[in-house]
Each structure stands twice: as structure tokens, then as C-alpha cells.
Amino acid sequence: MGQAISFHAPHGGADFLALRKGRSGQREIVYDDGVSRRIVWQVEAAVPEGRLTDALRLAARSLRIVPALLDELKKRAIPVARVAG
């Protein structure tokens, strides 16, 4: 993964989801609500980037992004650990 992949909520909010490579070299998922909440999860397994991208894309379309993201990750059996937020 050479660059970050990001999604903005289409419903007019400032919500933002991104997939990036963290300092340790592992992939991270970042959620930011644009005001006060920022959460970072580390992806704990080797998962094809397409599966992660699909989960982020679907979650970003939801009104409740964080619960939708966790649900999409669970459906795809993608293990994550919260590291910040």
C-alpha cells in the first residue's frame, strides 16, 4: 500500500475514514468526526486491501459510521485493535 485511502461521509457531515500505514508499518484505520473524536485501529492480520476498502466504503455511507465499521469488519473476519481514541 503506497498511499492512504480515504472516504468522506456523503450525508454532509465531516466524518472521515481512512486506511493508512502506521509508524510500525502495519495498516491502520482512522476515523475522525471533524470536531472532537478521532479513533485509530490497527489491523492485526494480513488482509487483502480490497476487503478493507469495501468495509470502509460501506461504513462511510452509514449515518452511524463507527458501529457500521465494526460490523463490516466483523462480517469479513478482519481483526483490529483500538490503539488511540
N, C-alpha and C. Protein backbone atom coordinates (compact mmCIF):
# COMPACT_ATOMS: atom_id res chain seq x y z
N MET A 1 0.84 -1.16 0.00
CA MET A 1 0.00 0.00 0.00
C MET A 1 0.89 1.23 0.00
N GLY A 2 0.89 1.97 -1.07
CA GLY A 2 1.76 3.11 -1.20
C GLY A 2 1.20 4.39 -0.60
N GLN A 3 -0.10 4.55 -0.62
CA GLN A 3 -0.70 5.77 -0.10
C GLN A 3 -1.96 5.46 0.68
N ALA A 4 -2.43 6.45 1.41
CA ALA A 4 -3.64 6.27 2.21
C ALA A 4 -4.87 6.28 1.30
N ILE A 5 -5.89 5.56 1.73
CA ILE A 5 -7.18 5.54 1.04
C ILE A 5 -8.17 6.16 2.00
N SER A 6 -8.97 7.11 1.53
CA SER A 6 -9.89 7.78 2.45
C SER A 6 -11.28 7.90 1.87
N PHE A 7 -12.26 8.00 2.78
CA PHE A 7 -13.66 8.14 2.42
C PHE A 7 -14.27 9.21 3.31
N HIS A 8 -15.07 10.09 2.72
CA HIS A 8 -15.81 11.10 3.47
C HIS A 8 -17.28 10.73 3.44
N ALA A 9 -17.97 11.00 4.52
CA ALA A 9 -19.40 10.69 4.61
C ALA A 9 -20.17 11.51 3.58
N PRO A 10 -21.02 10.87 2.80
CA PRO A 10 -21.77 11.58 1.75
C PRO A 10 -22.97 12.36 2.27
N HIS A 11 -23.33 12.17 3.53
CA HIS A 11 -24.53 12.80 4.07
C HIS A 11 -24.30 14.22 4.58
N GLY A 12 -23.18 14.82 4.23
CA GLY A 12 -22.94 16.21 4.59
C GLY A 12 -22.17 16.42 5.88
N GLY A 13 -21.89 15.37 6.61
CA GLY A 13 -21.12 15.51 7.84
C GLY A 13 -19.63 15.61 7.54
N ALA A 14 -18.85 15.88 8.56
CA ALA A 14 -17.40 15.97 8.40
C ALA A 14 -16.72 14.64 8.68
N ASP A 15 -17.50 13.58 8.84
CA ASP A 15 -16.94 12.26 9.17
C ASP A 15 -15.99 11.78 8.08
N PHE A 16 -14.92 11.14 8.52
CA PHE A 16 -13.83 10.74 7.64
C PHE A 16 -13.31 9.38 8.07
N LEU A 17 -13.12 8.47 7.14
CA LEU A 17 -12.50 7.17 7.39
C LEU A 17 -11.30 7.03 6.45
N ALA A 18 -10.21 6.47 6.96
CA ALA A 18 -9.03 6.29 6.12
C ALA A 18 -8.31 5.01 6.48
N LEU A 19 -7.61 4.50 5.50
CA LEU A 19 -6.73 3.35 5.68
C LEU A 19 -5.33 3.86 5.39
N ARG A 20 -4.42 3.67 6.34
CA ARG A 20 -3.06 4.18 6.18
C ARG A 20 -2.06 3.18 6.73
N LYS A 21 -0.80 3.43 6.46
CA LYS A 21 0.27 2.63 7.03
C LYS A 21 0.81 3.39 8.23
N GLY A 22 0.80 2.76 9.39
CA GLY A 22 1.24 3.40 10.63
C GLY A 22 2.75 3.43 10.77
N ARG A 23 3.20 4.01 11.86
CA ARG A 23 4.64 4.13 12.12
C ARG A 23 5.34 2.78 12.18
N SER A 24 4.63 1.78 12.70
CA SER A 24 5.23 0.45 12.84
C SER A 24 5.18 -0.33 11.53
N GLY A 25 4.57 0.25 10.50
CA GLY A 25 4.49 -0.43 9.21
C GLY A 25 3.20 -1.21 9.02
N GLN A 26 2.41 -1.36 10.08
CA GLN A 26 1.14 -2.07 9.96
C GLN A 26 0.05 -1.12 9.48
N ARG A 27 -0.97 -1.69 8.85
CA ARG A 27 -2.08 -0.87 8.38
C ARG A 27 -2.96 -0.43 9.55
N GLU A 28 -3.46 0.79 9.43
CA GLU A 28 -4.33 1.36 10.44
C GLU A 28 -5.58 1.94 9.79
N ILE A 29 -6.68 1.88 10.52
CA ILE A 29 -7.92 2.51 10.11
C ILE A 29 -8.12 3.71 11.02
N VAL A 30 -8.40 4.86 10.42
CA VAL A 30 -8.58 6.10 11.18
C VAL A 30 -9.99 6.62 10.95
N TYR A 31 -10.67 6.97 12.06
CA TYR A 31 -11.97 7.63 11.99
C TYR A 31 -11.83 8.99 12.64
N ASP A 32 -12.36 10.02 12.00
CA ASP A 32 -12.37 11.36 12.57
C ASP A 32 -13.72 11.98 12.29
N ASP A 33 -14.35 12.55 13.32
CA ASP A 33 -15.68 13.14 13.11
C ASP A 33 -15.61 14.62 12.73
N GLY A 34 -14.41 15.16 12.62
CA GLY A 34 -14.24 16.53 12.20
C GLY A 34 -14.39 17.55 13.32
N VAL A 35 -14.72 17.10 14.52
CA VAL A 35 -14.92 18.03 15.63
C VAL A 35 -14.02 17.66 16.81
N SER A 36 -14.30 16.53 17.44
CA SER A 36 -13.56 16.20 18.66
C SER A 36 -13.16 14.74 18.79
N ARG A 37 -13.62 13.89 17.92
CA ARG A 37 -13.41 12.45 18.11
C ARG A 37 -12.52 11.88 17.01
N ARG A 38 -11.44 11.24 17.42
CA ARG A 38 -10.54 10.57 16.49
C ARG A 38 -10.20 9.21 17.08
N ILE A 39 -10.42 8.16 16.30
CA ILE A 39 -10.16 6.80 16.75
C ILE A 39 -9.25 6.13 15.73
N VAL A 40 -8.27 5.37 16.22
CA VAL A 40 -7.36 4.64 15.35
C VAL A 40 -7.37 3.18 15.77
N TRP A 41 -7.54 2.29 14.78
CA TRP A 41 -7.46 0.85 14.99
C TRP A 41 -6.31 0.30 14.15
N GLN A 42 -5.60 -0.66 14.70
CA GLN A 42 -4.54 -1.33 13.95
C GLN A 42 -5.10 -2.64 13.42
N VAL A 43 -4.88 -2.90 12.14
CA VAL A 43 -5.32 -4.15 11.52
C VAL A 43 -4.33 -5.23 11.94
N GLU A 44 -4.83 -6.29 12.56
CA GLU A 44 -3.95 -7.28 13.19
C GLU A 44 -3.68 -8.52 12.36
N ALA A 45 -4.09 -8.53 11.11
CA ALA A 45 -3.83 -9.70 10.27
C ALA A 45 -3.60 -9.25 8.84
N ALA A 46 -2.98 -10.10 8.08
CA ALA A 46 -2.78 -9.82 6.65
C ALA A 46 -4.12 -10.03 5.94
N VAL A 47 -4.68 -8.95 5.47
CA VAL A 47 -5.99 -8.96 4.83
C VAL A 47 -5.85 -8.27 3.48
N PRO A 48 -6.45 -8.82 2.43
CA PRO A 48 -6.38 -8.13 1.14
C PRO A 48 -6.94 -6.71 1.24
N GLU A 49 -6.26 -5.79 0.60
CA GLU A 49 -6.65 -4.39 0.68
C GLU A 49 -8.08 -4.16 0.19
N GLY A 50 -8.52 -4.93 -0.78
CA GLY A 50 -9.87 -4.79 -1.31
C GLY A 50 -10.94 -5.06 -0.26
N ARG A 51 -10.71 -6.04 0.60
CA ARG A 51 -11.67 -6.34 1.67
C ARG A 51 -11.77 -5.18 2.65
N LEU A 52 -10.62 -4.59 3.00
CA LEU A 52 -10.62 -3.44 3.90
C LEU A 52 -11.29 -2.23 3.25
N THR A 53 -10.97 -1.99 2.01
CA THR A 53 -11.54 -0.85 1.28
C THR A 53 -13.06 -0.97 1.19
N ASP A 54 -13.56 -2.17 0.89
CA ASP A 54 -15.00 -2.38 0.82
C ASP A 54 -15.68 -2.10 2.16
N ALA A 55 -15.07 -2.57 3.25
CA ALA A 55 -15.63 -2.34 4.58
C ALA A 55 -15.68 -0.86 4.90
N LEU A 56 -14.61 -0.13 4.59
CA LEU A 56 -14.58 1.31 4.86
C LEU A 56 -15.59 2.05 3.99
N ARG A 57 -15.69 1.68 2.74
CA ARG A 57 -16.62 2.35 1.82
C ARG A 57 -18.06 2.20 2.31
N LEU A 58 -18.45 1.00 2.70
CA LEU A 58 -19.81 0.77 3.18
C LEU A 58 -20.08 1.49 4.49
N ALA A 59 -19.12 1.47 5.40
CA ALA A 59 -19.29 2.13 6.69
C ALA A 59 -19.41 3.65 6.54
N ALA A 60 -18.64 4.22 5.63
CA ALA A 60 -18.67 5.68 5.43
C ALA A 60 -20.02 6.16 4.94
N ARG A 61 -20.79 5.30 4.30
CA ARG A 61 -22.12 5.66 3.80
C ARG A 61 -23.18 5.64 4.89
N SER A 62 -22.86 5.09 6.03
CA SER A 62 -23.82 4.94 7.13
C SER A 62 -23.91 6.23 7.96
N LEU A 63 -25.04 6.44 8.58
CA LEU A 63 -25.18 7.60 9.47
C LEU A 63 -24.40 7.40 10.77
N ARG A 64 -24.29 6.15 11.22
CA ARG A 64 -23.52 5.83 12.43
C ARG A 64 -22.28 5.06 11.98
N ILE A 65 -21.24 5.78 11.64
CA ILE A 65 -20.07 5.20 10.97
C ILE A 65 -19.30 4.20 11.82
N VAL A 66 -19.02 4.52 13.06
CA VAL A 66 -18.20 3.61 13.89
C VAL A 66 -18.89 2.27 14.10
N PRO A 67 -20.16 2.22 14.52
CA PRO A 67 -20.81 0.91 14.65
C PRO A 67 -20.88 0.16 13.31
N ALA A 68 -21.11 0.90 12.23
CA ALA A 68 -21.17 0.26 10.91
C ALA A 68 -19.80 -0.30 10.52
N LEU A 69 -18.74 0.44 10.82
CA LEU A 69 -17.39 -0.04 10.51
C LEU A 69 -17.08 -1.31 11.28
N LEU A 70 -17.35 -1.31 12.58
CA LEU A 70 -17.07 -2.51 13.38
C LEU A 70 -17.88 -3.70 12.90
N ASP A 71 -19.11 -3.46 12.48
CA ASP A 71 -19.95 -4.53 11.94
C ASP A 71 -19.39 -5.07 10.63
N GLU A 72 -18.97 -4.19 9.73
CA GLU A 72 -18.40 -4.61 8.45
C GLU A 72 -17.10 -5.38 8.64
N LEU A 73 -16.27 -4.95 9.59
CA LEU A 73 -15.02 -5.66 9.87
C LEU A 73 -15.31 -7.05 10.43
N LYS A 74 -16.31 -7.14 11.31
CA LYS A 74 -16.69 -8.43 11.89
C LYS A 74 -17.21 -9.38 10.82
N LYS A 75 -18.04 -8.88 9.91
CA LYS A 75 -18.58 -9.71 8.83
C LYS A 75 -17.47 -10.32 7.98
N ARG A 76 -16.39 -9.57 7.81
CA ARG A 76 -15.28 -10.01 6.97
C ARG A 76 -14.17 -10.70 7.76
N ALA A 77 -14.38 -10.89 9.06
CA ALA A 77 -13.41 -11.53 9.95
C ALA A 77 -12.06 -10.81 9.89
N ILE A 78 -12.10 -9.49 9.97
CA ILE A 78 -10.88 -8.68 9.96
C ILE A 78 -10.62 -8.24 11.40
N PRO A 79 -9.57 -8.78 12.02
CA PRO A 79 -9.27 -8.43 13.41
C PRO A 79 -8.58 -7.07 13.51
N VAL A 80 -9.08 -6.23 14.42
CA VAL A 80 -8.47 -4.93 14.67
C VAL A 80 -8.33 -4.71 16.16
N ALA A 81 -7.42 -3.85 16.53
CA ALA A 81 -7.23 -3.46 17.93
C ALA A 81 -7.19 -1.95 18.00
N ARG A 82 -7.96 -1.40 18.90
CA ARG A 82 -8.00 0.05 19.07
C ARG A 82 -6.70 0.52 19.70
N VAL A 83 -6.04 1.48 19.07
CA VAL A 83 -4.75 1.96 19.59
C VAL A 83 -4.81 3.41 20.04
N ALA A 84 -5.83 4.15 19.63
CA ALA A 84 -5.96 5.55 20.06
C ALA A 84 -7.42 5.96 19.97
N GLY A 85 -7.77 6.89 20.86
CA GLY A 85 -9.13 7.44 20.82
C GLY A 85 -9.97 6.88 21.84
